[in-house]
C-alpha atoms as a PDB file:
ATOM      1  CA  MET A   1     106.433  58.903  94.858  1.00  0.00           C
ATOM      2  CA  LYS A   2     105.622  56.752  91.823  1.00  0.00           C
ATOM      3  CA  ARG A   3     107.597  57.386  88.692  1.00  0.00           C
ATOM      4  CA  VAL A   4     105.789  58.820  85.653  1.00  0.00           C
ATOM      5  CA  THR A   5     107.488  57.319  82.605  1.00  0.00           C
ATOM      6  CA  LYS A   6     105.656  59.036  79.742  1.00  0.00           C
ATOM      7  CA  PRO A   7     106.751  62.544  78.689  1.00  0.00           C
ATOM      8  CA  ILE A   8     104.843  65.385  80.315  1.00  0.00           C
ATOM      9  CA  ARG A   9     103.691  67.862  77.668  1.00  0.00           C
ATOM     10  CA  LEU A  10     104.019  71.148  79.562  1.00  0.00           C
ATOM     11  CA  ASP A  11     103.924  74.871  78.934  1.00  0.00           C
ATOM     12  CA  PHE A  12     104.033  78.158  80.872  1.00  0.00           C
ATOM     13  CA  CYS A  13     102.258  81.443  80.228  1.00  0.00           C
ATOM     14  CA  ASP A  14     101.069  84.687  81.801  1.00  0.00           C
ATOM     15  CA  PHE A  15     104.156  85.075  83.964  1.00  0.00           C
ATOM     16  CA  HIS A  16     106.132  88.312  84.132  1.00  0.00           C
ATOM     17  CA  PRO A  17     107.944  89.473  80.933  1.00  0.00           C
ATOM     18  CA  GLY A  18     111.216  87.656  80.415  1.00  0.00           C
ATOM     19  CA  TYR A  19     110.088  84.498  82.211  1.00  0.00           C
ATOM     20  CA  LEU A  20     112.143  81.560  80.901  1.00  0.00           C
ATOM     21  CA  LYS A  21     110.184  78.415  80.216  1.00  0.00           C
ATOM     22  CA  THR A  22     113.210  76.145  80.583  1.00  0.00           C
ATOM     23  CA  ASN A  23     114.895  77.910  83.488  1.00  0.00           C
ATOM     24  CA  ASN A  24     112.497  78.635  86.315  1.00  0.00           C
ATOM     25  CA  PHE A  25     111.647  77.234  89.743  1.00  0.00           C
ATOM     26  CA  PHE A  26     109.042  74.744  88.534  1.00  0.00           C
ATOM     27  CA  TYR A  27     110.842  73.532  85.429  1.00  0.00           C
ATOM     28  CA  ASN A  28     114.142  73.060  87.254  1.00  0.00           C
ATOM     29  CA  LEU A  29     112.442  71.043  89.984  1.00  0.00           C
ATOM     30  CA  LEU A  30     110.237  68.941  87.735  1.00  0.00           C
ATOM     31  CA  LYS A  31     112.868  68.091  85.129  1.00  0.00           C
ATOM     32  CA  GLU A  32     114.832  66.113  87.725  1.00  0.00           C
ATOM     33  CA  HIS A  33     111.877  63.770  88.296  1.00  0.00           C
ATOM     34  CA  PHE A  34     109.761  63.832  85.137  1.00  0.00           C
ATOM     35  CA  SER A  35     110.407  63.726  81.421  1.00  0.00           C
ATOM     36  CA  LEU A  36     109.292  67.179  80.289  1.00  0.00           C
ATOM     37  CA  GLU A  37     108.404  68.314  76.801  1.00  0.00           C
ATOM     38  CA  ILE A  38     107.757  72.045  76.382  1.00  0.00           C
ATOM     39  CA  CYS A  39     105.198  72.562  73.629  1.00  0.00           C
ATOM     40  CA  ASP A  40     102.593  75.060  72.415  1.00  0.00           C
ATOM     41  CA  GLN A  41      99.671  72.641  72.806  1.00  0.00           C
ATOM     42  CA  PRO A  42     100.396  71.111  76.214  1.00  0.00           C
ATOM     43  CA  ASP A  43      98.482  68.630  78.275  1.00  0.00           C
ATOM     44  CA  PHE A  44      99.424  70.661  81.363  1.00  0.00           C
ATOM     45  CA  LEU A  45      99.744  74.437  81.652  1.00  0.00           C
ATOM     46  CA  ILE A  46     101.286  76.332  84.564  1.00  0.00           C
ATOM     47  CA  TYR A  47     100.170  79.946  84.412  1.00  0.00           C
ATOM     48  CA  SER A  48     100.109  83.106  86.503  1.00  0.00           C
ATOM     49  CA  PHE A  49      98.144  86.367  86.387  1.00  0.00           C
ATOM     50  CA  PHE A  50     100.251  88.678  84.191  1.00  0.00           C
ATOM     51  CA  GLY A  51      98.062  88.039  81.132  1.00  0.00           C
ATOM     52  CA  HIS A  52      95.196  86.081  79.628  1.00  0.00           C
ATOM     53  CA  GLN A  53      96.814  83.612  77.232  1.00  0.00           C
ATOM     54  CA  HIS A  54      95.800  80.749  79.502  1.00  0.00           C
ATOM     55  CA  ARG A  55      92.241  81.235  78.234  1.00  0.00           C
ATOM     56  CA  LEU A  56      93.268  79.742  74.888  1.00  0.00           C
ATOM     57  CA  HIS A  57      94.423  76.449  76.415  1.00  0.00           C
ATOM     58  CA  SER A  58      92.224  73.370  76.782  1.00  0.00           C
ATOM     59  CA  GLY A  59      94.457  71.098  78.851  1.00  0.00           C
ATOM     60  CA  THR A  60      94.827  70.779  82.618  1.00  0.00           C
ATOM     61  CA  LYS A  61      95.595  74.211  84.048  1.00  0.00           C
ATOM     62  CA  ILE A  62      97.646  74.866  87.197  1.00  0.00           C
ATOM     63  CA  PHE A  63      97.461  78.402  88.552  1.00  0.00           C
ATOM     64  CA  PHE A  64     100.388  79.884  90.481  1.00  0.00           C
ATOM     65  CA  THR A  65     100.747  83.252  92.154  1.00  0.00           C
ATOM     66  CA  GLY A  66     103.187  84.691  94.656  1.00  0.00           C
ATOM     67  CA  GLU A  67     100.725  87.459  95.435  1.00  0.00           C
ATOM     68  CA  SER A  68      97.677  87.307  97.691  1.00  0.00           C
ATOM     69  CA  ALA A  69      95.113  86.246  95.075  1.00  0.00           C
ATOM     70  CA  ALA A  70      92.954  83.172  95.587  1.00  0.00           C
ATOM     71  CA  PRO A  71      92.467  80.650  92.750  1.00  0.00           C
ATOM     72  CA  ASN A  72      89.537  81.037  90.408  1.00  0.00           C
ATOM     73  CA  TRP A  73      88.226  77.478  90.100  1.00  0.00           C
ATOM     74  CA  LYS A  74      86.229  78.438  87.029  1.00  0.00           C
ATOM     75  CA  GLU A  75      89.541  78.886  85.196  1.00  0.00           C
ATOM     76  CA  CYS A  76      91.968  76.426  86.782  1.00  0.00           C
ATOM     77  CA  ASP A  77      92.009  72.753  87.766  1.00  0.00           C
ATOM     78  CA  TYR A  78      94.749  73.036  90.386  1.00  0.00           C
ATOM     79  CA  ALA A  79      96.444  75.896  92.160  1.00  0.00           C
ATOM     80  CA  LEU A  80      99.592  76.805  94.067  1.00  0.00           C
ATOM     81  CA  THR A  81      99.126  79.953  96.147  1.00  0.00           C
ATOM     82  CA  SER A  82     100.003  81.379  99.544  1.00  0.00           C
ATOM     83  CA  ARG A  83      96.453  80.871 100.855  1.00  0.00           C
ATOM     84  CA  TYR A  84      95.441  78.339 103.492  1.00  0.00           C
ATOM     85  CA  LEU A  85      92.717  76.446 101.624  1.00  0.00           C
ATOM     86  CA  ASP A  86      91.139  73.138 102.560  1.00  0.00           C
ATOM     87  CA  ASP A  87      90.839  71.862  99.008  1.00  0.00           C
ATOM     88  CA  PRO A  88      92.592  68.829  97.454  1.00  0.00           C
ATOM     89  CA  ARG A  89      93.111  70.829  94.262  1.00  0.00           C
ATOM     90  CA  HIS A  90      95.272  73.339  96.114  1.00  0.00           C
ATOM     91  CA  LEU A  91      98.757  73.272  97.613  1.00  0.00           C
ATOM     92  CA  ARG A  92     100.057  76.100  99.734  1.00  0.00           C
ATOM     93  CA  LEU A  93     103.347  77.431  98.356  1.00  0.00           C
ATOM     94  CA  PRO A  94     104.506  80.678  99.999  1.00  0.00           C
ATOM     95  CA  PHE A  95     106.415  82.935  97.631  1.00  0.00           C
ATOM     96  CA  TYR A  96     109.565  82.922  99.766  1.00  0.00           C
ATOM     97  CA  VAL A  97     110.116  79.243  98.927  1.00  0.00           C
ATOM     98  CA  LEU A  98     111.029  80.358  95.398  1.00  0.00           C
ATOM     99  CA  TYR A  99     113.604  82.811  96.728  1.00  0.00           C
ATOM    100  CA  GLY A 100     116.290  80.549  98.089  1.00  0.00           C
ATOM    101  CA  ASP A 101     117.378  77.467  99.945  1.00  0.00           C
ATOM    102  CA  ALA A 102     115.970  76.941 103.434  1.00  0.00           C
ATOM    103  CA  ARG A 103     119.513  76.243 104.624  1.00  0.00           C
ATOM    104  CA  ALA A 104     120.293  79.937 104.108  1.00  0.00           C
ATOM    105  CA  ILE A 105     118.368  80.753 107.276  1.00  0.00           C
ATOM    106  CA  VAL A 106     119.246  77.702 109.380  1.00  0.00           C
ATOM    107  CA  LYS A 107     121.507  79.256 111.994  1.00  0.00           C
ATOM    108  CA  GLY A 108     123.353  76.282 113.391  1.00  0.00           C
ATOM    109  CA  GLN A 109     126.377  77.332 115.436  1.00  0.00           C
ATOM    110  CA  GLU A 110     126.981  80.847 114.051  1.00  0.00           C
ATOM    111  CA  ASP A 111     128.154  83.575 116.432  1.00  0.00           C
ATOM    112  CA  PRO A 112     125.546  86.368 116.860  1.00  0.00           C
ATOM    113  CA  ALA A 113     128.089  88.715 118.459  1.00  0.00           C
ATOM    114  CA  LYS A 114     130.254  88.621 115.338  1.00  0.00           C
ATOM    115  CA  ILE A 115     127.213  89.286 113.171  1.00  0.00           C
ATOM    116  CA  LEU A 116     126.251  92.310 115.286  1.00  0.00           C
ATOM    117  CA  ALA A 117     129.810  93.647 115.127  1.00  0.00           C
ATOM    118  CA  ARG A 118     129.470  93.900 111.338  1.00  0.00           C
ATOM    119  CA  LYS A 119     126.279  95.969 111.559  1.00  0.00           C
ATOM    120  CA  THR A 120     127.320  99.543 110.766  1.00  0.00           C
ATOM    121  CA  LYS A 121     123.934 101.097 109.955  1.00  0.00           C
ATOM    122  CA  PHE A 122     120.545 101.414 111.633  1.00  0.00           C
ATOM    123  CA  CYS A 123     117.638 100.366 109.414  1.00  0.00           C
ATOM    124  CA  SER A 124     116.836  99.606 105.773  1.00  0.00           C
ATOM    125  CA  PHE A 125     113.689  99.779 103.669  1.00  0.00           C
ATOM    126  CA  VAL A 126     113.374  98.379 100.124  1.00  0.00           C
ATOM    127  CA  VAL A 127     110.026  98.916  98.391  1.00  0.00           C
ATOM    128  CA  GLY A 128     109.225  99.325  94.706  1.00  0.00           C
ATOM    129  CA  ASN A 129     105.877 101.072  94.956  1.00  0.00           C
ATOM    130  CA  GLN A 130     102.936 101.929  97.177  1.00  0.00           C
ATOM    131  CA  HIS A 131      99.200 101.460  96.967  1.00  0.00           C
ATOM    132  CA  PRO A 132      97.559 104.485  98.611  1.00  0.00           C
ATOM    133  CA  ARG A 133      94.877 102.338 100.251  1.00  0.00           C
ATOM    134  CA  LYS A 134      96.312  98.837 100.785  1.00  0.00           C
ATOM    135  CA  ASN A 135      99.824  99.476 102.123  1.00  0.00           C
ATOM    136  CA  LYS A 136     100.170 103.152 102.968  1.00  0.00           C
ATOM    137  CA  ASN A 137     101.125 102.012 106.472  1.00  0.00           C
ATOM    138  CA  ARG A 138     104.637 101.002 105.436  1.00  0.00           C
ATOM    139  CA  ALA A 139     105.421 104.483 104.105  1.00  0.00           C
ATOM    140  CA  ASP A 140     103.954 105.976 107.271  1.00  0.00           C
ATOM    141  CA  PHE A 141     106.077 103.657 109.399  1.00  0.00           C
ATOM    142  CA  PHE A 142     109.190 104.527 107.388  1.00  0.00           C
ATOM    143  CA  GLN A 143     108.580 108.223 108.063  1.00  0.00           C
ATOM    144  CA  ARG A 144     107.814 107.602 111.740  1.00  0.00           C
ATOM    145  CA  LEU A 145     110.973 105.569 112.380  1.00  0.00           C
ATOM    146  CA  SER A 146     113.072 108.070 110.388  1.00  0.00           C
ATOM    147  CA  ARG A 147     112.300 110.674 113.041  1.00  0.00           C
ATOM    148  CA  TYR A 148     114.452 108.637 115.429  1.00  0.00           C
ATOM    149  CA  LYS A 149     117.313 107.828 113.032  1.00  0.00           C
ATOM    150  CA  ARG A 150     117.897 107.812 109.311  1.00  0.00           C
ATOM    151  CA  VAL A 151     116.300 104.831 107.549  1.00  0.00           C
ATOM    152  CA  ASP A 152     117.969 104.047 104.218  1.00  0.00           C
ATOM    153  CA  SER A 153     115.466 103.395 101.439  1.00  0.00           C
ATOM    154  CA  GLY A 154     117.041 101.292  98.697  1.00  0.00           C
ATOM    155  CA  GLY A 155     114.001 100.625  96.496  1.00  0.00           C
ATOM    156  CA  ARG A 156     112.380 102.787  93.831  1.00  0.00           C
ATOM    157  CA  PHE A 157     109.858 104.121  96.340  1.00  0.00           C
ATOM    158  CA  LEU A 158     111.108 106.884  98.678  1.00  0.00           C
ATOM    159  CA  ASN A 159     114.678 106.179  97.571  1.00  0.00           C
ATOM    160  CA  ASN A 160     117.230 108.242  99.493  1.00  0.00           C
ATOM    161  CA  ILE A 161     120.533 106.505  98.656  1.00  0.00           C
ATOM    162  CA  GLY A 162     121.000 107.745  95.089  1.00  0.00           C
ATOM    163  CA  GLY A 163     119.180 104.972  93.242  1.00  0.00           C
ATOM    164  CA  PRO A 164     117.668 101.504  93.613  1.00  0.00           C
ATOM    165  CA  VAL A 165     119.839  98.668  94.877  1.00  0.00           C
ATOM    166  CA  PRO A 166     121.068  96.637  91.853  1.00  0.00           C
ATOM    167  CA  GLY A 167     121.540  92.890  91.542  1.00  0.00           C
ATOM    168  CA  GLY A 168     118.093  91.463  92.151  1.00  0.00           C
ATOM    169  CA  THR A 169     117.570  89.266  95.204  1.00  0.00           C
ATOM    170  CA  ALA A 170     121.277  88.684  95.826  1.00  0.00           C
ATOM    171  CA  GLY A 171     121.948  92.418  95.619  1.00  0.00           C
ATOM    172  CA  LYS A 172     119.138  93.202  98.024  1.00  0.00           C
ATOM    173  CA  VAL A 173     120.310  90.641 100.593  1.00  0.00           C
ATOM    174  CA  GLN A 174     123.853  92.017 100.375  1.00  0.00           C
ATOM    175  CA  PHE A 175     122.507  95.527 100.900  1.00  0.00           C
ATOM    176  CA  LEU A 176     120.552  94.468 103.989  1.00  0.00           C
ATOM    177  CA  ARG A 177     123.571  92.858 105.683  1.00  0.00           C
ATOM    178  CA  ASP A 178     124.948  96.186 106.935  1.00  0.00           C
ATOM    179  CA  TYR A 179     121.775  97.045 108.866  1.00  0.00           C
ATOM    180  CA  LYS A 180     120.542  96.103 112.331  1.00  0.00           C
ATOM    181  CA  PHE A 181     116.885  96.347 111.273  1.00  0.00           C
ATOM    182  CA  ASN A 182     114.818  96.014 108.113  1.00  0.00           C
ATOM    183  CA  ILE A 183     111.236  97.177 107.568  1.00  0.00           C
ATOM    184  CA  ALA A 184     109.638  94.117 105.942  1.00  0.00           C
ATOM    185  CA  PHE A 185     106.000  95.057 105.392  1.00  0.00           C
ATOM    186  CA  GLU A 186     103.851  93.070 102.962  1.00  0.00           C
ATOM    187  CA  ASN A 187     101.453  94.556 100.421  1.00  0.00           C
ATOM    188  CA  ALA A 188      98.518  93.249 102.442  1.00  0.00           C
ATOM    189  CA  ALA A 189      97.692  91.458 105.703  1.00  0.00           C
ATOM    190  CA  ILE A 190      96.012  88.276 104.473  1.00  0.00           C
ATOM    191  CA  PRO A 191      96.292  84.871 106.209  1.00  0.00           C
ATOM    192  CA  GLY A 192      99.018  82.866 104.488  1.00  0.00           C
ATOM    193  CA  TYR A 193     100.374  85.735 102.396  1.00  0.00           C
ATOM    194  CA  THR A 194     104.094  85.665 103.214  1.00  0.00           C
ATOM    195  CA  THR A 195     106.388  86.833 100.420  1.00  0.00           C
ATOM    196  CA  GLU A 196     110.164  87.063 100.181  1.00  0.00           C
ATOM    197  CA  LYS A 197     110.497  90.171 102.369  1.00  0.00           C
ATOM    198  CA  LEU A 198     110.969  88.583 105.791  1.00  0.00           C
ATOM    199  CA  PHE A 199     112.936  85.668 104.317  1.00  0.00           C
ATOM    200  CA  GLU A 200     115.429  88.065 102.705  1.00  0.00           C
ATOM    201  CA  ALA A 201     115.869  89.917 106.004  1.00  0.00           C
ATOM    202  CA  MET A 202     116.620  86.597 107.665  1.00  0.00           C
ATOM    203  CA  GLN A 203     119.128  85.690 104.964  1.00  0.00           C
ATOM    204  CA  ALA A 204     120.923  88.966 105.699  1.00  0.00           C
ATOM    205  CA  ARG A 205     120.792  88.347 109.484  1.00  0.00           C
ATOM    206  CA  THR A 206     119.074  91.664 110.016  1.00  0.00           C
ATOM    207  CA  LEU A 207     116.213  91.946 112.494  1.00  0.00           C
ATOM    208  CA  GLY A 208     113.022  92.061 110.475  1.00  0.00           C
ATOM    209  CA  ILE A 209     110.207  94.444 111.414  1.00  0.00           C
ATOM    210  CA  TYR A 210     107.257  92.592 109.952  1.00  0.00           C
ATOM    211  CA  TRP A 211     103.666  93.378 109.055  1.00  0.00           C
ATOM    212  CA  GLY A 212     101.509  91.111 106.919  1.00  0.00           C
ATOM    213  CA  ASN A 213     100.441  87.494 107.276  1.00  0.00           C
ATOM    214  CA  PRO A 214      98.650  87.186 110.659  1.00  0.00           C
ATOM    215  CA  LEU A 215      99.616  83.483 110.704  1.00  0.00           C
ATOM    216  CA  VAL A 216     103.322  84.062 110.037  1.00  0.00           C
ATOM    217  CA  ASN A 217     104.205  82.572 113.438  1.00  0.00           C
ATOM    218  CA  ARG A 218     103.234  79.156 112.087  1.00  0.00           C
ATOM    219  CA  GLU A 219     106.109  79.380 109.618  1.00  0.00           C
ATOM    220  CA  PHE A 220     108.804  81.229 111.536  1.00  0.00           C
ATOM    221  CA  ASN A 221     109.873  81.569 115.154  1.00  0.00           C
ATOM    222  CA  PRO A 222     108.125  84.745 116.435  1.00  0.00           C
ATOM    223  CA  ARG A 223     111.010  85.461 118.810  1.00  0.00           C
ATOM    224  CA  SER A 224     113.396  85.948 115.878  1.00  0.00           C
ATOM    225  CA  PHE A 225     111.734  89.087 114.454  1.00  0.00           C
ATOM    226  CA  LEU A 226     109.495  91.973 115.475  1.00  0.00           C
ATOM    227  CA  ASN A 227     105.894  91.357 114.425  1.00  0.00           C
ATOM    228  CA  TYR A 228     103.741  94.468 114.290  1.00  0.00           C
ATOM    229  CA  PRO A 229     100.552  92.800 115.643  1.00  0.00           C
ATOM    230  CA  ASP A 230     102.430  91.623 118.744  1.00  0.00           C
ATOM    231  CA  PHE A 231     102.532  95.231 119.963  1.00  0.00           C
ATOM    232  CA  PRO A 232      99.557  97.231 121.278  1.00  0.00           C
ATOM    233  CA  ASN A 233     100.244 100.101 118.886  1.00  0.00           C
ATOM    234  CA  GLU A 234     102.849 101.539 116.541  1.00  0.00           C
ATOM    235  CA  GLU A 235     104.381 103.699 119.242  1.00  0.00           C
ATOM    236  CA  ALA A 236     105.115 100.625 121.355  1.00  0.00           C
ATOM    237  CA  LEU A 237     106.809  98.938 118.395  1.00  0.00           C
ATOM    238  CA  VAL A 238     108.973 101.992 117.706  1.00  0.00           C
ATOM    239  CA  GLU A 239     109.922 102.161 121.382  1.00  0.00           C
ATOM    240  CA  LYS A 240     110.975  98.505 121.239  1.00  0.00           C
ATOM    241  CA  ILE A 241     113.152  99.159 118.185  1.00  0.00           C
ATOM    242  CA  ILE A 242     114.821 102.084 119.926  1.00  0.00           C
ATOM    243  CA  GLU A 243     115.372  99.956 123.036  1.00  0.00           C
ATOM    244  CA  LEU A 244     117.038  97.192 121.020  1.00  0.00           C
ATOM    245  CA  ASP A 245     119.105  99.690 119.052  1.00  0.00           C
ATOM    246  CA  ARG A 246     120.512 101.110 122.284  1.00  0.00           C
ATOM    247  CA  ASP A 247     121.013  97.806 124.105  1.00  0.00           C
ATOM    248  CA  ASP A 248     123.219  95.239 122.361  1.00  0.00           C
ATOM    249  CA  ALA A 249     122.457  92.542 124.911  1.00  0.00           C
ATOM    250  CA  LYS A 250     118.718  92.766 124.246  1.00  0.00           C
ATOM    251  CA  TYR A 251     119.287  92.920 120.489  1.00  0.00           C
ATOM    252  CA  LEU A 252     121.414  89.776 120.675  1.00  0.00           C
ATOM    253  CA  GLU A 253     118.563  87.916 122.382  1.00  0.00           C
ATOM    254  CA  TYR A 254     116.678  88.158 119.087  1.00  0.00           C
ATOM    255  CA  LEU A 255     119.728  87.396 116.978  1.00  0.00           C
ATOM    256  CA  ARG A 256     120.346  84.180 118.910  1.00  0.00           C
ATOM    257  CA  GLN A 257     116.890  82.843 118.163  1.00  0.00           C
ATOM    258  CA  PRO A 258     116.511  80.361 115.267  1.00  0.00           C
ATOM    259  CA  TYR A 259     114.360  81.604 112.409  1.00  0.00           C
ATOM    260  CA  PHE A 260     112.594  78.279 111.995  1.00  0.00           C
ATOM    261  CA  HIS A 261     110.918  76.527 114.889  1.00  0.00           C
ATOM    262  CA  GLU A 262     113.617  74.274 116.395  1.00  0.00           C
ATOM    263  CA  ASP A 263     115.914  75.536 113.607  1.00  0.00           C
ATOM    264  CA  ARG A 264     114.328  73.085 111.160  1.00  0.00           C
ATOM    265  CA  PRO A 265     112.980  74.207 107.771  1.00  0.00           C
ATOM    266  CA  ASN A 266     109.208  74.368 107.674  1.00  0.00           C
ATOM    267  CA  GLU A 267     107.132  71.972 105.574  1.00  0.00           C
ATOM    268  CA  PHE A 268     106.726  74.392 102.691  1.00  0.00           C
ATOM    269  CA  PHE A 269     110.363  73.934 101.660  1.00  0.00           C
ATOM    270  CA  ASP A 270     109.830  70.171 101.356  1.00  0.00           C
ATOM    271  CA  ARG A 271     110.468  69.321  97.688  1.00  0.00           C
ATOM    272  CA  GLU A 272     108.852  65.889  98.068  1.00  0.00           C
ATOM    273  CA  ARG A 273     105.637  67.559  99.177  1.00  0.00           C
ATOM    274  CA  LEU A 274     105.595  69.649  96.005  1.00  0.00           C
ATOM    275  CA  LEU A 275     106.601  66.752  93.761  1.00  0.00           C
ATOM    276  CA  SER A 276     103.835  64.576  95.214  1.00  0.00           C
ATOM    277  CA  PHE A 277     101.342  67.276  94.332  1.00  0.00           C
ATOM    278  CA  PHE A 278     102.550  67.352  90.719  1.00  0.00           C
ATOM    279  CA  GLU A 279     102.555  63.547  90.647  1.00  0.00           C
ATOM    280  CA  LYS A 280      98.844  63.712  91.438  1.00  0.00           C
ATOM    281  CA  VAL A 281      98.268  66.415  88.821  1.00  0.00           C
ATOM    282  CA  PHE A 282     100.085  64.434  86.129  1.00  0.00           C
ATOM    283  CA  THR A 283      98.432  61.070  86.857  1.00  0.00           C
ATOM    284  CA  GLN A 284      94.905  61.835  88.086  1.00  0.00           C
ATOM    285  CA  PRO A 285      92.363  61.552  85.229  1.00  0.00           C
ATOM    286  CA  ILE A 286      90.086  64.597  85.117  1.00  0.00           C
ATOM    287  CA  GLN A 287      88.071  66.545  82.604  1.00  0.00           C
ATOM    288  CA  PRO A 288      89.851  69.922  82.553  1.00  0.00           C
ATOM    289  CA  VAL A 289      87.705  72.881  83.488  1.00  0.00           C
ATOM    290  CA  SER A 290      88.562  74.472  80.130  1.00  0.00           C
ATOM    291  CA  GLN A 291      86.799  71.582  78.361  1.00  0.00           C
ATOM    292  CA  ARG A 292      83.589  71.897  80.358  1.00  0.00           C
ATOM    293  CA  ARG A 293      82.399  75.058  78.599  1.00  0.00           C
ATOM    294  CA  LYS A 294      79.073  74.606  76.861  1.00  0.00           C
ATOM    295  CA  TRP A 295      79.701  77.417  74.435  1.00  0.00           C
ATOM    296  CA  PHE A 296      82.600  79.465  73.137  1.00  0.00           C
ATOM    297  CA  SER A 297      83.186  82.852  74.743  1.00  0.00           C
ATOM    298  CA  PRO A 298      84.602  85.360  72.209  1.00  0.00           C
ATOM    299  CA  GLY A 299      85.536  87.664  75.081  1.00  0.00           C
ATOM    300  CA  ARG A 300      88.584  85.579  75.897  1.00  0.00           C
ATOM    301  CA  TRP A 301      90.149  86.550  72.552  1.00  0.00           C
ATOM    302  CA  THR A 302      89.784  90.232  73.410  1.00  0.00           C
ATOM    303  CA  LEU A 303      91.567  89.716  76.728  1.00  0.00           C
ATOM    304  CA  VAL A 304      94.371  87.695  75.147  1.00  0.00           C
ATOM    305  CA  LYS A 305      95.094  90.426  72.593  1.00  0.00           C
ATOM    306  CA  ARG A 306      95.805  92.846  75.424  1.00  0.00           C
ATOM    307  CA  ASN A 307      98.787  90.856  76.578  1.00  0.00           C
ATOM    308  CA  ARG A 308     100.947  88.728  74.290  1.00  0.00           C
ATOM    309  CA  PRO A 309     104.294  88.304  76.081  1.00  0.00           C
ATOM    310  CA  THR A 310     107.227  86.489  74.508  1.00  0.00           C
ATOM    311  CA  TYR A 311     108.808  83.606  76.419  1.00  0.00           C
ATOM    312  CA  SER A 312     111.948  81.601  75.782  1.00  0.00           C
END
C-alpha cells in the first residue's frame, strides 16, 4: 500500500447517537496509516443511515451500514456494506468484523471437553426487538424450543431473566458462555447479511443455531454450527438440538470443529484489504456525486432538520 502523506480531511455523521468521531472502528484503523484531520467541511465523509446530515456535504461520501441495506449510488461515491456486489466502488464488510478480533474464534489446541463441562444451562436467546413480518420466525422458534426445555431470553424482547443482560458486547458474550446452545437468528435472510450474532456465539463457545445469510457457509465452517436451511423443516432442526443436548459425544463433534475454514480467519478480517480500499478512496480523483447535482433540492434541508445528532 502506498503511503498518503497529506492530511486526510475526514468527518463522520448519521451514525447512532453517541458515536465518537475519534474513537470508532474506522478512525482507530485509519489513524495508524493516514494523517487524519477531523473537520466540519471534510474532503471525505463516512456516514451511515441514522440521519440525513450527509445531504449537506459536498465531498467524497463513503456509506457504511451493518444492516442489510444496499448502497444508494445517487447519494454515495463508495460503500462498505454486507452485500456481495460486483462494483469497484464497493467493499464487502460484514458487521461482525467490527465486533472483535478474529483470533477470538480461532480454536487452536483448546479442549472441547473442558468447555462442555462448564456448560450449566441449555439455550440462550438475546434479541432487542421483533418485526412482525420480517423476523417473526425467531420468536416462533424461541417458543417452539422452549416447549422442550427452558430457553433463557436475555434481551429486551421476551425477557425472562429479570432484565436485559448488561455490559454491551462483552456482557452478552459472558452471558452466552454458560449455555450449550444460542439462537442466533438475523433480522432478515439476505445474501451476505451476517451480523455479530453468530460471531458472538462462537466467541462464547456455544453452539449457534443460525438463520439468516444463505451464503454464511462461505465465511464460516458449516460443521461448527446448526444452520436452519440445512434441515428439511423446523421440526428436524429441533430434533437435532434435542439429540445433541442428550448426547455429549455428538455435541462434542460440533465443538471440535474450527469456526473458520481450516481455522484461518476469513478475508473480511484482513486489515490490509480494508486499508487498500481506503487508499483508493483517498487517492483516486473523482467528481463526488454530491457535486453532480444540476440544481439545489430544498427537500434535503427538511430531512436534515429531523435528525441533528451530536457527536464528539
